[in-house]
Each structure stands twice: as structure tokens, then as C-alpha cells.
Amino acid sequence: MAWISQNWWFVLLLVGLVYWMYRSGMGGGFGGGSHQHGGGHEGDVPQSVTKANVDPVSGETVDMTIAAATVYQGKTYYFASKENRDRFEAAPEQYAAKAHDEHEEEHSHRHGGCC
């Protein structure tokens, strides 16, 4: 306890550093601030724009904070609106095939690399 009272500035600096890392997203496993991981729950999805963030019905970019979602053949699809999700669920094979074709086309344009 004497060490802490003699080196209070070091303890304060360490606490400030940990707080800054937490708030800036460099939490490294203890919260990470605004860093979000993928998943099927609202608010748990990545914020970067990927093919998973494109509505297969309308083709528009999906705002993942308000996205509607459904699972078809083990794959999660995200939608810009509930109406688009309902259209997808009425004929999933039509839209899933379109989304799959666009995904394949994206991979065919890559040059180099392993994936």
C-alpha cells in the first residue's frame, strides 16, 4: 500500500491509459469501446460495407443498426426494410441465387492473393 501512495501518478497514468484504450476501440478483449463483432443480433453486426451488408432484394447498402434479417439455407441475409425481407421470404431462391451470382462475380475479378 505504501508503494501506491508513493507512486500515485503512475497508477493514475495507468488507469488513464486503460480507459483511453477502452474508449478508442483498442480494448483487446475487455469491451473494446465501439468495436462490434458479427452475429445475428441487431447491434452485433459489423459496420463495414461487405456483400453481407447489401440488400439482396433492392441492391442498396443496408444500415446495420436497423437492418432486418433472415436465415436461408444456413446463410444470414440482411435487408434495408422489413418489406424487402418479406419479399425475400416469399421467393428466397430467386433473391439468394442473385446474391450468390453477384458474390461469385466479385470473386472472379480478384487478381493475385490466396482468396
PDB file of N, CA and C in Angstrom:
ATOM      1  N   MET A   1       0.809  -1.186   0.000  1.00  0.00           N
ATOM      2  CA  MET A   1       0.000   0.000   0.000  1.00  0.00           C
ATOM      3  C   MET A   1       0.862   1.262   0.000  1.00  0.00           C
ATOM      4  N   ALA A   2       2.014   1.172   0.597  1.00  0.00           N
ATOM      5  CA  ALA A   2       2.909   2.324   0.627  1.00  0.00           C
ATOM      6  C   ALA A   2       3.397   2.657  -0.779  1.00  0.00           C
ATOM      7  N   TRP A   3       3.609   1.623  -1.603  1.00  0.00           N
ATOM      8  CA  TRP A   3       4.078   1.852  -2.975  1.00  0.00           C
ATOM      9  C   TRP A   3       3.058   2.686  -3.755  1.00  0.00           C
ATOM     10  N   ILE A   4       1.770   2.390  -3.603  1.00  0.00           N
ATOM     11  CA  ILE A   4       0.714   3.118  -4.312  1.00  0.00           C
ATOM     12  C   ILE A   4       0.680   4.575  -3.863  1.00  0.00           C
ATOM     13  N   SER A   5       0.788   4.816  -2.575  1.00  0.00           N
ATOM     14  CA  SER A   5       0.747   6.202  -2.102  1.00  0.00           C
ATOM     15  C   SER A   5       1.984   6.989  -2.538  1.00  0.00           C
ATOM     16  N   GLN A   6       3.108   6.316  -2.740  1.00  0.00           N
ATOM     17  CA  GLN A   6       4.316   6.991  -3.195  1.00  0.00           C
ATOM     18  C   GLN A   6       4.326   7.182  -4.714  1.00  0.00           C
ATOM     19  N   ASN A   7       3.636   6.315  -5.430  1.00  0.00           N
ATOM     20  CA  ASN A   7       3.647   6.344  -6.899  1.00  0.00           C
ATOM     21  C   ASN A   7       2.242   6.550  -7.455  1.00  0.00           C
ATOM     22  N   TRP A   8       1.449   7.393  -6.829  1.00  0.00           N
ATOM     23  CA  TRP A   8       0.074   7.625  -7.255  1.00  0.00           C
ATOM     24  C   TRP A   8      -0.011   8.115  -8.681  1.00  0.00           C
ATOM     25  N   TRP A   9       0.962   8.890  -9.136  1.00  0.00           N
ATOM     26  CA  TRP A   9       0.948   9.420 -10.507  1.00  0.00           C
ATOM     27  C   TRP A   9       1.049   8.288 -11.530  1.00  0.00           C
ATOM     28  N   PHE A  10       1.839   7.250 -11.202  1.00  0.00           N
ATOM     29  CA  PHE A  10       1.971   6.107 -12.108  1.00  0.00           C
ATOM     30  C   PHE A  10       0.648   5.341 -12.194  1.00  0.00           C
ATOM     31  N   VAL A  11       0.002   5.142 -11.065  1.00  0.00           N
ATOM     32  CA  VAL A  11      -1.287   4.442 -11.029  1.00  0.00           C
ATOM     33  C   VAL A  11      -2.323   5.236 -11.816  1.00  0.00           C
ATOM     34  N   LEU A  12      -2.355   6.549 -11.606  1.00  0.00           N
ATOM     35  CA  LEU A  12      -3.284   7.404 -12.334  1.00  0.00           C
ATOM     36  C   LEU A  12      -3.029   7.346 -13.844  1.00  0.00           C
ATOM     37  N   LEU A  13      -1.766   7.370 -14.247  1.00  0.00           N
ATOM     38  CA  LEU A  13      -1.402   7.269 -15.657  1.00  0.00           C
ATOM     39  C   LEU A  13      -1.841   5.933 -16.249  1.00  0.00           C
ATOM     40  N   LEU A  14      -1.621   4.862 -15.513  1.00  0.00           N
ATOM     41  CA  LEU A  14      -2.020   3.534 -15.979  1.00  0.00           C
ATOM     42  C   LEU A  14      -3.537   3.429 -16.141  1.00  0.00           C
ATOM     43  N   VAL A  15      -4.287   3.936 -15.184  1.00  0.00           N
ATOM     44  CA  VAL A  15      -5.754   3.917 -15.269  1.00  0.00           C
ATOM     45  C   VAL A  15      -6.221   4.748 -16.463  1.00  0.00           C
ATOM     46  N   GLY A  16      -5.610   5.912 -16.666  1.00  0.00           N
ATOM     47  CA  GLY A  16      -5.962   6.752 -17.815  1.00  0.00           C
ATOM     48  C   GLY A  16      -5.675   6.065 -19.135  1.00  0.00           C
ATOM     49  N   LEU A  17      -4.554   5.366 -19.225  1.00  0.00           N
ATOM     50  CA  LEU A  17      -4.200   4.645 -20.446  1.00  0.00           C
ATOM     51  C   LEU A  17      -5.193   3.524 -20.742  1.00  0.00           C
ATOM     52  N   VAL A  18      -5.533   2.769 -19.732  1.00  0.00           N
ATOM     53  CA  VAL A  18      -6.510   1.688 -19.917  1.00  0.00           C
ATOM     54  C   VAL A  18      -7.867   2.258 -20.341  1.00  0.00           C
ATOM     55  N   TYR A  19      -8.284   3.352 -19.719  1.00  0.00           N
ATOM     56  CA  TYR A  19      -9.547   3.986 -20.092  1.00  0.00           C
ATOM     57  C   TYR A  19      -9.504   4.470 -21.535  1.00  0.00           C
ATOM     58  N   TRP A  20      -8.416   5.108 -21.947  1.00  0.00           N
ATOM     59  CA  TRP A  20      -8.279   5.602 -23.322  1.00  0.00           C
ATOM     60  C   TRP A  20      -8.333   4.441 -24.318  1.00  0.00           C
ATOM     61  N   MET A  21      -7.643   3.340 -24.015  1.00  0.00           N
ATOM     62  CA  MET A  21      -7.663   2.177 -24.915  1.00  0.00           C
ATOM     63  C   MET A  21      -9.077   1.613 -25.029  1.00  0.00           C
ATOM     64  N   TYR A  22      -9.777   1.555 -23.924  1.00  0.00           N
ATOM     65  CA  TYR A  22     -11.142   1.032 -23.934  1.00  0.00           C
ATOM     66  C   TYR A  22     -12.054   1.905 -24.787  1.00  0.00           C
ATOM     67  N   ARG A  23     -11.991   3.210 -24.614  1.00  0.00           N
ATOM     68  CA  ARG A  23     -12.862   4.137 -25.339  1.00  0.00           C
ATOM     69  C   ARG A  23     -12.508   4.253 -26.816  1.00  0.00           C
ATOM     70  N   SER A  24     -11.256   4.052 -27.180  1.00  0.00           N
ATOM     71  CA  SER A  24     -10.867   4.222 -28.577  1.00  0.00           C
ATOM     72  C   SER A  24     -10.965   2.939 -29.380  1.00  0.00           C
ATOM     73  N   GLY A  25     -11.427   1.861 -28.774  1.00  0.00           N
ATOM     74  CA  GLY A  25     -11.625   0.626 -29.520  1.00  0.00           C
ATOM     75  C   GLY A  25     -10.436  -0.298 -29.519  1.00  0.00           C
ATOM     76  N   MET A  26      -9.440  -0.024 -28.722  1.00  0.00           N
ATOM     77  CA  MET A  26      -8.277  -0.899 -28.650  1.00  0.00           C
ATOM     78  C   MET A  26      -8.325  -1.731 -27.380  1.00  0.00           C
ATOM     79  N   GLY A  27      -9.489  -2.150 -27.008  1.00  0.00           N
ATOM     80  CA  GLY A  27      -9.680  -2.829 -25.744  1.00  0.00           C
ATOM     81  C   GLY A  27      -9.018  -4.178 -25.644  1.00  0.00           C
ATOM     82  N   GLY A  28      -8.713  -4.798 -26.774  1.00  0.00           N
ATOM     83  CA  GLY A  28      -8.003  -6.063 -26.736  1.00  0.00           C
ATOM     84  C   GLY A  28      -8.692  -7.119 -25.894  1.00  0.00           C
ATOM     85  N   GLY A  29      -9.999  -7.144 -25.888  1.00  0.00           N
ATOM     86  CA  GLY A  29     -10.700  -8.197 -25.185  1.00  0.00           C
ATOM     87  C   GLY A  29     -11.447  -7.741 -23.950  1.00  0.00           C
ATOM     88  N   PHE A  30     -11.294  -6.483 -23.515  1.00  0.00           N
ATOM     89  CA  PHE A  30     -12.119  -6.056 -22.403  1.00  0.00           C
ATOM     90  C   PHE A  30     -13.098  -4.972 -22.792  1.00  0.00           C
ATOM     91  N   GLY A  31     -13.979  -5.317 -23.691  1.00  0.00           N
ATOM     92  CA  GLY A  31     -15.035  -4.392 -24.095  1.00  0.00           C
ATOM     93  C   GLY A  31     -14.778  -3.800 -25.455  1.00  0.00           C
ATOM     94  N   GLY A  32     -13.692  -3.103 -25.626  1.00  0.00           N
ATOM     95  CA  GLY A  32     -13.315  -2.573 -26.919  1.00  0.00           C
ATOM     96  C   GLY A  32     -14.114  -1.378 -27.375  1.00  0.00           C
ATOM     97  N   GLY A  33     -14.779  -0.673 -26.495  1.00  0.00           N
ATOM     98  CA  GLY A  33     -15.494   0.540 -26.896  1.00  0.00           C
ATOM     99  C   GLY A  33     -16.556   0.252 -27.928  1.00  0.00           C
ATOM    100  N   SER A  34     -16.436   0.861 -29.129  1.00  0.00           N
ATOM    101  CA  SER A  34     -17.464   0.736 -30.147  1.00  0.00           C
ATOM    102  C   SER A  34     -17.204  -0.417 -31.103  1.00  0.00           C
ATOM    103  N   HIS A  35     -16.175  -1.206 -30.867  1.00  0.00           N
ATOM    104  CA  HIS A  35     -15.873  -2.325 -31.751  1.00  0.00           C
ATOM    105  C   HIS A  35     -16.969  -3.367 -31.639  1.00  0.00           C
ATOM    106  N   GLN A  36     -17.482  -3.828 -32.792  1.00  0.00           N
ATOM    107  CA  GLN A  36     -18.574  -4.785 -32.774  1.00  0.00           C
ATOM    108  C   GLN A  36     -18.188  -6.015 -33.571  1.00  0.00           C
ATOM    109  N   HIS A  37     -18.693  -7.155 -33.148  1.00  0.00           N
ATOM    110  CA  HIS A  37     -18.433  -8.418 -33.816  1.00  0.00           C
ATOM    111  C   HIS A  37     -19.663  -8.856 -34.567  1.00  0.00           C
ATOM    112  N   GLY A  38     -19.458  -9.681 -35.588  1.00  0.00           N
ATOM    113  CA  GLY A  38     -20.576 -10.172 -36.381  1.00  0.00           C
ATOM    114  C   GLY A  38     -21.489 -11.070 -35.568  1.00  0.00           C
ATOM    115  N   GLY A  39     -22.670 -11.267 -36.042  1.00  0.00           N
ATOM    116  CA  GLY A  39     -23.649 -12.096 -35.374  1.00  0.00           C
ATOM    117  C   GLY A  39     -25.013 -11.831 -35.954  1.00  0.00           C
ATOM    118  N   GLY A  40     -26.009 -12.505 -35.417  1.00  0.00           N
ATOM    119  CA  GLY A  40     -27.337 -12.360 -35.957  1.00  0.00           C
ATOM    120  C   GLY A  40     -28.216 -11.388 -35.196  1.00  0.00           C
ATOM    121  N   HIS A  41     -27.671 -10.690 -34.226  1.00  0.00           N
ATOM    122  CA  HIS A  41     -28.485  -9.797 -33.424  1.00  0.00           C
ATOM    123  C   HIS A  41     -28.271  -8.354 -33.829  1.00  0.00           C
ATOM    124  N   GLU A  42     -29.325  -7.586 -33.731  1.00  0.00           N
ATOM    125  CA  GLU A  42     -29.228  -6.168 -34.052  1.00  0.00           C
ATOM    126  C   GLU A  42     -28.213  -5.515 -33.129  1.00  0.00           C
ATOM    127  N   GLY A  43     -27.295  -4.721 -33.693  1.00  0.00           N
ATOM    128  CA  GLY A  43     -26.262  -4.082 -32.899  1.00  0.00           C
ATOM    129  C   GLY A  43     -25.016  -4.931 -32.756  1.00  0.00           C
ATOM    130  N   ASP A  44     -25.075  -6.214 -33.144  1.00  0.00           N
ATOM    131  CA  ASP A  44     -23.939  -7.117 -33.050  1.00  0.00           C
ATOM    132  C   ASP A  44     -23.310  -7.375 -34.405  1.00  0.00           C
ATOM    133  N   VAL A  45     -23.619  -6.587 -35.401  1.00  0.00           N
ATOM    134  CA  VAL A  45     -23.143  -6.849 -36.749  1.00  0.00           C
ATOM    135  C   VAL A  45     -22.049  -5.879 -37.137  1.00  0.00           C
ATOM    136  N   PRO A  46     -21.169  -6.287 -38.032  1.00  0.00           N
ATOM    137  CA  PRO A  46     -20.076  -5.411 -38.429  1.00  0.00           C
ATOM    138  C   PRO A  46     -20.567  -4.157 -39.119  1.00  0.00           C
ATOM    139  N   GLN A  47     -19.805  -3.072 -38.986  1.00  0.00           N
ATOM    140  CA  GLN A  47     -20.200  -1.797 -39.567  1.00  0.00           C
ATOM    141  C   GLN A  47     -19.603  -1.570 -40.945  1.00  0.00           C
ATOM    142  N   SER A  48     -18.597  -2.344 -41.340  1.00  0.00           N
ATOM    143  CA  SER A  48     -18.001  -2.154 -42.658  1.00  0.00           C
ATOM    144  C   SER A  48     -18.957  -2.656 -43.732  1.00  0.00           C
ATOM    145  N   VAL A  49     -18.872  -2.094 -44.912  1.00  0.00           N
ATOM    146  CA  VAL A  49     -19.751  -2.485 -46.004  1.00  0.00           C
ATOM    147  C   VAL A  49     -19.146  -3.681 -46.713  1.00  0.00           C
ATOM    148  N   THR A  50     -19.845  -4.797 -46.676  1.00  0.00           N
ATOM    149  CA  THR A  50     -19.455  -6.010 -47.370  1.00  0.00           C
ATOM    150  C   THR A  50     -20.667  -6.482 -48.156  1.00  0.00           C
ATOM    151  N   LYS A  51     -20.521  -7.573 -48.885  1.00  0.00           N
ATOM    152  CA  LYS A  51     -21.663  -8.125 -49.614  1.00  0.00           C
ATOM    153  C   LYS A  51     -22.777  -8.507 -48.646  1.00  0.00           C
ATOM    154  N   ALA A  52     -22.431  -8.863 -47.400  1.00  0.00           N
ATOM    155  CA  ALA A  52     -23.456  -9.184 -46.411  1.00  0.00           C
ATOM    156  C   ALA A  52     -24.267  -7.956 -46.037  1.00  0.00           C
ATOM    157  N   ASN A  53     -23.743  -6.761 -46.323  1.00  0.00           N
ATOM    158  CA  ASN A  53     -24.423  -5.519 -45.980  1.00  0.00           C
ATOM    159  C   ASN A  53     -25.210  -4.963 -47.158  1.00  0.00           C
ATOM    160  N   VAL A  54     -25.365  -5.718 -48.220  1.00  0.00           N
ATOM    161  CA  VAL A  54     -26.120  -5.271 -49.382  1.00  0.00           C
ATOM    162  C   VAL A  54     -27.428  -6.047 -49.428  1.00  0.00           C
ATOM    163  N   ASP A  55     -28.516  -5.308 -49.500  1.00  0.00           N
ATOM    164  CA  ASP A  55     -29.853  -5.904 -49.552  1.00  0.00           C
ATOM    165  C   ASP A  55     -29.986  -6.702 -50.848  1.00  0.00           C
ATOM    166  N   PRO A  56     -30.239  -8.036 -50.774  1.00  0.00           N
ATOM    167  CA  PRO A  56     -30.343  -8.839 -51.991  1.00  0.00           C
ATOM    168  C   PRO A  56     -31.582  -8.529 -52.824  1.00  0.00           C
ATOM    169  N   VAL A  57     -32.581  -7.866 -52.248  1.00  0.00           N
ATOM    170  CA  VAL A  57     -33.798  -7.526 -52.980  1.00  0.00           C
ATOM    171  C   VAL A  57     -33.623  -6.210 -53.732  1.00  0.00           C
ATOM    172  N   SER A  58     -33.176  -5.163 -53.035  1.00  0.00           N
ATOM    173  CA  SER A  58     -33.073  -3.841 -53.661  1.00  0.00           C
ATOM    174  C   SER A  58     -31.673  -3.515 -54.158  1.00  0.00           C
ATOM    175  N   GLY A  59     -30.655  -4.202 -53.639  1.00  0.00           N
ATOM    176  CA  GLY A  59     -29.284  -3.925 -54.036  1.00  0.00           C
ATOM    177  C   GLY A  59     -28.667  -2.736 -53.322  1.00  0.00           C
ATOM    178  N   GLU A  60     -29.413  -2.111 -52.407  1.00  0.00           N
ATOM    179  CA  GLU A  60     -28.886  -0.945 -51.698  1.00  0.00           C
ATOM    180  C   GLU A  60     -28.110  -1.377 -50.454  1.00  0.00           C
ATOM    181  N   THR A  61     -27.233  -0.483 -49.986  1.00  0.00           N
ATOM    182  CA  THR A  61     -26.456  -0.736 -48.784  1.00  0.00           C
ATOM    183  C   THR A  61     -27.378  -0.723 -47.577  1.00  0.00           C
ATOM    184  N   VAL A  62     -27.151  -1.665 -46.680  1.00  0.00           N
ATOM    185  CA  VAL A  62     -28.009  -1.841 -45.513  1.00  0.00           C
ATOM    186  C   VAL A  62     -27.402  -1.115 -44.319  1.00  0.00           C
ATOM    187  N   ASP A  63     -28.210  -0.303 -43.639  1.00  0.00           N
ATOM    188  CA  ASP A  63     -27.808   0.311 -42.377  1.00  0.00           C
ATOM    189  C   ASP A  63     -27.942  -0.779 -41.316  1.00  0.00           C
ATOM    190  N   MET A  64     -26.800  -1.292 -40.870  1.00  0.00           N
ATOM    191  CA  MET A  64     -26.808  -2.458 -39.998  1.00  0.00           C
ATOM    192  C   MET A  64     -27.383  -2.174 -38.607  1.00  0.00           C
ATOM    193  N   THR A  65     -27.561  -0.913 -38.258  1.00  0.00           N
ATOM    194  CA  THR A  65     -28.144  -0.611 -36.952  1.00  0.00           C
ATOM    195  C   THR A  65     -29.653  -0.822 -36.942  1.00  0.00           C
ATOM    196  N   ILE A  66     -30.281  -0.826 -38.134  1.00  0.00           N
ATOM    197  CA  ILE A  66     -31.734  -1.013 -38.206  1.00  0.00           C
ATOM    198  C   ILE A  66     -32.111  -2.124 -39.188  1.00  0.00           C
ATOM    199  N   ALA A  67     -31.155  -2.959 -39.539  1.00  0.00           N
ATOM    200  CA  ALA A  67     -31.372  -3.986 -40.564  1.00  0.00           C
ATOM    201  C   ALA A  67     -32.356  -5.051 -40.099  1.00  0.00           C
ATOM    202  N   ALA A  68     -33.162  -5.504 -41.054  1.00  0.00           N
ATOM    203  CA  ALA A  68     -33.997  -6.684 -40.851  1.00  0.00           C
ATOM    204  C   ALA A  68     -33.189  -7.858 -41.381  1.00  0.00           C
ATOM    205  N   ALA A  69     -33.348  -9.024 -40.796  1.00  0.00           N
ATOM    206  CA  ALA A  69     -32.529 -10.165 -41.210  1.00  0.00           C
ATOM    207  C   ALA A  69     -33.359 -11.432 -41.259  1.00  0.00           C
ATOM    208  N   THR A  70     -32.885 -12.386 -42.059  1.00  0.00           N
ATOM    209  CA  THR A  70     -33.472 -13.714 -42.092  1.00  0.00           C
ATOM    210  C   THR A  70     -32.366 -14.697 -42.450  1.00  0.00           C
ATOM    211  N   VAL A  71     -32.593 -15.954 -42.133  1.00  0.00           N
ATOM    212  CA  VAL A  71     -31.628 -17.002 -42.456  1.00  0.00           C
ATOM    213  C   VAL A  71     -32.256 -17.915 -43.483  1.00  0.00           C
ATOM    214  N   TYR A  72     -31.525 -18.173 -44.570  1.00  0.00           N
ATOM    215  CA  TYR A  72     -31.985 -19.075 -45.619  1.00  0.00           C
ATOM    216  C   TYR A  72     -30.835 -20.013 -45.955  1.00  0.00           C
ATOM    217  N   GLN A  73     -31.071 -21.297 -45.853  1.00  0.00           N
ATOM    218  CA  GLN A  73     -30.087 -22.341 -46.115  1.00  0.00           C
ATOM    219  C   GLN A  73     -28.780 -22.090 -45.359  1.00  0.00           C
ATOM    220  N   GLY A  74     -28.912 -21.696 -44.096  1.00  0.00           N
ATOM    221  CA  GLY A  74     -27.761 -21.520 -43.228  1.00  0.00           C
ATOM    222  C   GLY A  74     -27.000 -20.224 -43.404  1.00  0.00           C
ATOM    223  N   LYS A  75     -27.443 -19.341 -44.293  1.00  0.00           N
ATOM    224  CA  LYS A  75     -26.769 -18.066 -44.521  1.00  0.00           C
ATOM    225  C   LYS A  75     -27.693 -16.945 -44.078  1.00  0.00           C
ATOM    226  N   THR A  76     -27.123 -15.941 -43.393  1.00  0.00           N
ATOM    227  CA  THR A  76     -27.905 -14.796 -42.936  1.00  0.00           C
ATOM    228  C   THR A  76     -27.915 -13.727 -44.008  1.00  0.00           C
ATOM    229  N   TYR A  77     -29.107 -13.231 -44.323  1.00  0.00           N
ATOM    230  CA  TYR A  77     -29.287 -12.150 -45.290  1.00  0.00           C
ATOM    231  C   TYR A  77     -29.835 -10.938 -44.538  1.00  0.00           C
ATOM    232  N   TYR A  78     -29.310  -9.751 -44.871  1.00  0.00           N
ATOM    233  CA  TYR A  78     -29.732  -8.515 -44.225  1.00  0.00           C
ATOM    234  C   TYR A  78     -30.466  -7.634 -45.230  1.00  0.00           C
ATOM    235  N   PHE A  79     -31.466  -6.895 -44.734  1.00  0.00           N
ATOM    236  CA  PHE A  79     -32.341  -6.115 -45.612  1.00  0.00           C
ATOM    237  C   PHE A  79     -32.479  -4.692 -45.107  1.00  0.00           C
ATOM    238  N   ALA A  80     -32.657  -3.772 -46.051  1.00  0.00           N
ATOM    239  CA  ALA A  80     -32.825  -2.359 -45.731  1.00  0.00           C
ATOM    240  C   ALA A  80     -34.191  -2.087 -45.108  1.00  0.00           C
ATOM    241  N   SER A  81     -35.163  -2.975 -45.368  1.00  0.00           N
ATOM    242  CA  SER A  81     -36.502  -2.781 -44.800  1.00  0.00           C
ATOM    243  C   SER A  81     -37.164  -4.135 -44.557  1.00  0.00           C
ATOM    244  N   LYS A  82     -38.184  -4.118 -43.730  1.00  0.00           N
ATOM    245  CA  LYS A  82     -38.946  -5.340 -43.451  1.00  0.00           C
ATOM    246  C   LYS A  82     -39.712  -5.786 -44.695  1.00  0.00           C
ATOM    247  N   GLU A  83     -40.115  -4.827 -45.519  1.00  0.00           N
ATOM    248  CA  GLU A  83     -40.820  -5.168 -46.760  1.00  0.00           C
ATOM    249  C   GLU A  83     -39.909  -5.986 -47.686  1.00  0.00           C
ATOM    250  N   ASN A  84     -38.637  -5.580 -47.786  1.00  0.00           N
ATOM    251  CA  ASN A  84     -37.689  -6.329 -48.617  1.00  0.00           C
ATOM    252  C   ASN A  84     -37.458  -7.721 -48.044  1.00  0.00           C
ATOM    253  N   ARG A  85     -37.398  -7.827 -46.714  1.00  0.00           N
ATOM    254  CA  ARG A  85     -37.255  -9.144 -46.097  1.00  0.00           C
ATOM    255  C   ARG A  85     -38.454 -10.019 -46.429  1.00  0.00           C
ATOM    256  N   ASP A  86     -39.664  -9.437 -46.395  1.00  0.00           N
ATOM    257  CA  ASP A  86     -40.875 -10.199 -46.707  1.00  0.00           C
ATOM    258  C   ASP A  86     -40.867 -10.660 -48.165  1.00  0.00           C
ATOM    259  N   ARG A  87     -40.406  -9.797 -49.076  1.00  0.00           N
ATOM    260  CA  ARG A  87     -40.298 -10.191 -50.491  1.00  0.00           C
ATOM    261  C   ARG A  87     -39.315 -11.352 -50.648  1.00  0.00           C
ATOM    262  N   PHE A  88     -38.200 -11.269 -49.947  1.00  0.00           N
ATOM    263  CA  PHE A  88     -37.199 -12.338 -49.994  1.00  0.00           C
ATOM    264  C   PHE A  88     -37.788 -13.644 -49.481  1.00  0.00           C
ATOM    265  N   GLU A  89     -38.479 -13.571 -48.341  1.00  0.00           N
ATOM    266  CA  GLU A  89     -39.038 -14.783 -47.745  1.00  0.00           C
ATOM    267  C   GLU A  89     -40.128 -15.401 -48.617  1.00  0.00           C
ATOM    268  N   ALA A  90     -40.788 -14.593 -49.475  1.00  0.00           N
ATOM    269  CA  ALA A  90     -41.811 -15.120 -50.379  1.00  0.00           C
ATOM    270  C   ALA A  90     -41.179 -15.908 -51.523  1.00  0.00           C
ATOM    271  N   ALA A  91     -39.984 -15.551 -51.953  1.00  0.00           N
ATOM    272  CA  ALA A  91     -39.298 -16.245 -53.047  1.00  0.00           C
ATOM    273  C   ALA A  91     -37.789 -16.238 -52.792  1.00  0.00           C
ATOM    274  N   PRO A  92     -37.331 -16.920 -51.740  1.00  0.00           N
ATOM    275  CA  PRO A  92     -35.917 -16.832 -51.363  1.00  0.00           C
ATOM    276  C   PRO A  92     -34.961 -17.357 -52.428  1.00  0.00           C
ATOM    277  N   GLU A  93     -35.379 -18.385 -53.161  1.00  0.00           N
ATOM    278  CA  GLU A  93     -34.481 -18.951 -54.180  1.00  0.00           C
ATOM    279  C   GLU A  93     -34.149 -17.934 -55.276  1.00  0.00           C
ATOM    280  N   GLN A  94     -35.095 -17.068 -55.606  1.00  0.00           N
ATOM    281  CA  GLN A  94     -34.876 -16.040 -56.632  1.00  0.00           C
ATOM    282  C   GLN A  94     -33.812 -15.040 -56.186  1.00  0.00           C
ATOM    283  N   TYR A  95     -33.935 -14.522 -54.969  1.00  0.00           N
ATOM    284  CA  TYR A  95     -33.022 -13.485 -54.485  1.00  0.00           C
ATOM    285  C   TYR A  95     -31.694 -14.062 -53.998  1.00  0.00           C
ATOM    286  N   ALA A  96     -31.734 -15.254 -53.385  1.00  0.00           N
ATOM    287  CA  ALA A  96     -30.494 -15.876 -52.910  1.00  0.00           C
ATOM    288  C   ALA A  96     -29.597 -16.224 -54.086  1.00  0.00           C
ATOM    289  N   ALA A  97     -30.182 -16.694 -55.190  1.00  0.00           N
ATOM    290  CA  ALA A  97     -29.395 -17.013 -56.384  1.00  0.00           C
ATOM    291  C   ALA A  97     -28.761 -15.742 -56.949  1.00  0.00           C
ATOM    292  N   LYS A  98     -29.507 -14.642 -56.953  1.00  0.00           N
ATOM    293  CA  LYS A  98     -28.984 -13.361 -57.440  1.00  0.00           C
ATOM    294  C   LYS A  98     -27.816 -12.902 -56.565  1.00  0.00           C
ATOM    295  N   ALA A  99     -27.991 -12.978 -55.244  1.00  0.00           N
ATOM    296  CA  ALA A  99     -26.937 -12.576 -54.317  1.00  0.00           C
ATOM    297  C   ALA A  99     -25.723 -13.480 -54.485  1.00  0.00           C
ATOM    298  N   HIS A 100     -25.943 -14.777 -54.703  1.00  0.00           N
ATOM    299  CA  HIS A 100     -24.837 -15.723 -54.898  1.00  0.00           C
ATOM    300  C   HIS A 100     -24.096 -15.414 -56.191  1.00  0.00           C
ATOM    301  N   ASP A 101     -24.820 -15.121 -57.273  1.00  0.00           N
ATOM    302  CA  ASP A 101     -24.190 -14.786 -58.556  1.00  0.00           C
ATOM    303  C   ASP A 101     -23.337 -13.535 -58.444  1.00  0.00           C
ATOM    304  N   GLU A 102     -23.825 -12.508 -57.741  1.00  0.00           N
ATOM    305  CA  GLU A 102     -23.057 -11.279 -57.553  1.00  0.00           C
ATOM    306  C   GLU A 102     -21.813 -11.549 -56.733  1.00  0.00           C
ATOM    307  N   HIS A 103     -21.931 -12.436 -55.742  1.00  0.00           N
ATOM    308  CA  HIS A 103     -20.788 -12.785 -54.908  1.00  0.00           C
ATOM    309  C   HIS A 103     -19.733 -13.511 -55.741  1.00  0.00           C
ATOM    310  N   GLU A 104     -20.159 -14.439 -56.595  1.00  0.00           N
ATOM    311  CA  GLU A 104     -19.231 -15.159 -57.463  1.00  0.00           C
ATOM    312  C   GLU A 104     -18.552 -14.207 -58.440  1.00  0.00           C
ATOM    313  N   GLU A 105     -19.313 -13.245 -58.977  1.00  0.00           N
ATOM    314  CA  GLU A 105     -18.755 -12.267 -59.906  1.00  0.00           C
ATOM    315  C   GLU A 105     -17.684 -11.433 -59.216  1.00  0.00           C
ATOM    316  N   GLU A 106     -17.917 -11.073 -57.969  1.00  0.00           N
ATOM    317  CA  GLU A 106     -16.932 -10.295 -57.208  1.00  0.00           C
ATOM    318  C   GLU A 106     -15.636 -11.082 -57.054  1.00  0.00           C
ATOM    319  N   HIS A 107     -15.729 -12.381 -56.777  1.00  0.00           N
ATOM    320  CA  HIS A 107     -14.533 -13.199 -56.614  1.00  0.00           C
ATOM    321  C   HIS A 107     -13.794 -13.398 -57.933  1.00  0.00           C
ATOM    322  N   SER A 108     -14.488 -13.412 -59.038  1.00  0.00           N
ATOM    323  CA  SER A 108     -13.830 -13.649 -60.323  1.00  0.00           C
ATOM    324  C   SER A 108     -12.988 -12.461 -60.767  1.00  0.00           C
ATOM    325  N   HIS A 109     -13.191 -11.272 -60.189  1.00  0.00           N
ATOM    326  CA  HIS A 109     -12.429 -10.096 -60.565  1.00  0.00           C
ATOM    327  C   HIS A 109     -11.163  -9.904 -59.745  1.00  0.00           C
ATOM    328  N   ARG A 110     -10.930 -10.753 -58.766  1.00  0.00           N
ATOM    329  CA  ARG A 110      -9.738 -10.608 -57.927  1.00  0.00           C
ATOM    330  C   ARG A 110      -8.501 -11.056 -58.703  1.00  0.00           C
ATOM    331  N   HIS A 111      -7.415 -10.386 -58.429  1.00  0.00           N
ATOM    332  CA  HIS A 111      -6.148 -10.740 -59.028  1.00  0.00           C
ATOM    333  C   HIS A 111      -5.135 -10.991 -57.936  1.00  0.00           C
ATOM    334  N   GLY A 112      -4.470 -12.128 -58.011  1.00  0.00           N
ATOM    335  CA  GLY A 112      -3.447 -12.433 -57.013  1.00  0.00           C
ATOM    336  C   GLY A 112      -4.064 -12.780 -55.675  1.00  0.00           C
ATOM    337  N   GLY A 113      -3.218 -13.029 -54.716  1.00  0.00           N
ATOM    338  CA  GLY A 113      -3.689 -13.348 -53.378  1.00  0.00           C
ATOM    339  C   GLY A 113      -4.142 -14.787 -53.275  1.00  0.00           C
ATOM    340  N   CYS A 114      -4.441 -15.200 -52.097  1.00  0.00           N
ATOM    341  CA  CYS A 114      -4.809 -16.588 -51.882  1.00  0.00           C
ATOM    342  C   CYS A 114      -6.313 -16.819 -51.886  1.00  0.00           C
ATOM    343  N   CYS A 115      -7.096 -15.789 -51.743  1.00  0.00           N
ATOM    344  CA  CYS A 115      -8.541 -15.984 -51.576  1.00  0.00           C
ATOM    345  C   CYS A 115      -9.355 -15.280 -52.621  1.00  0.00           C
TER     346      CYS A 115
END
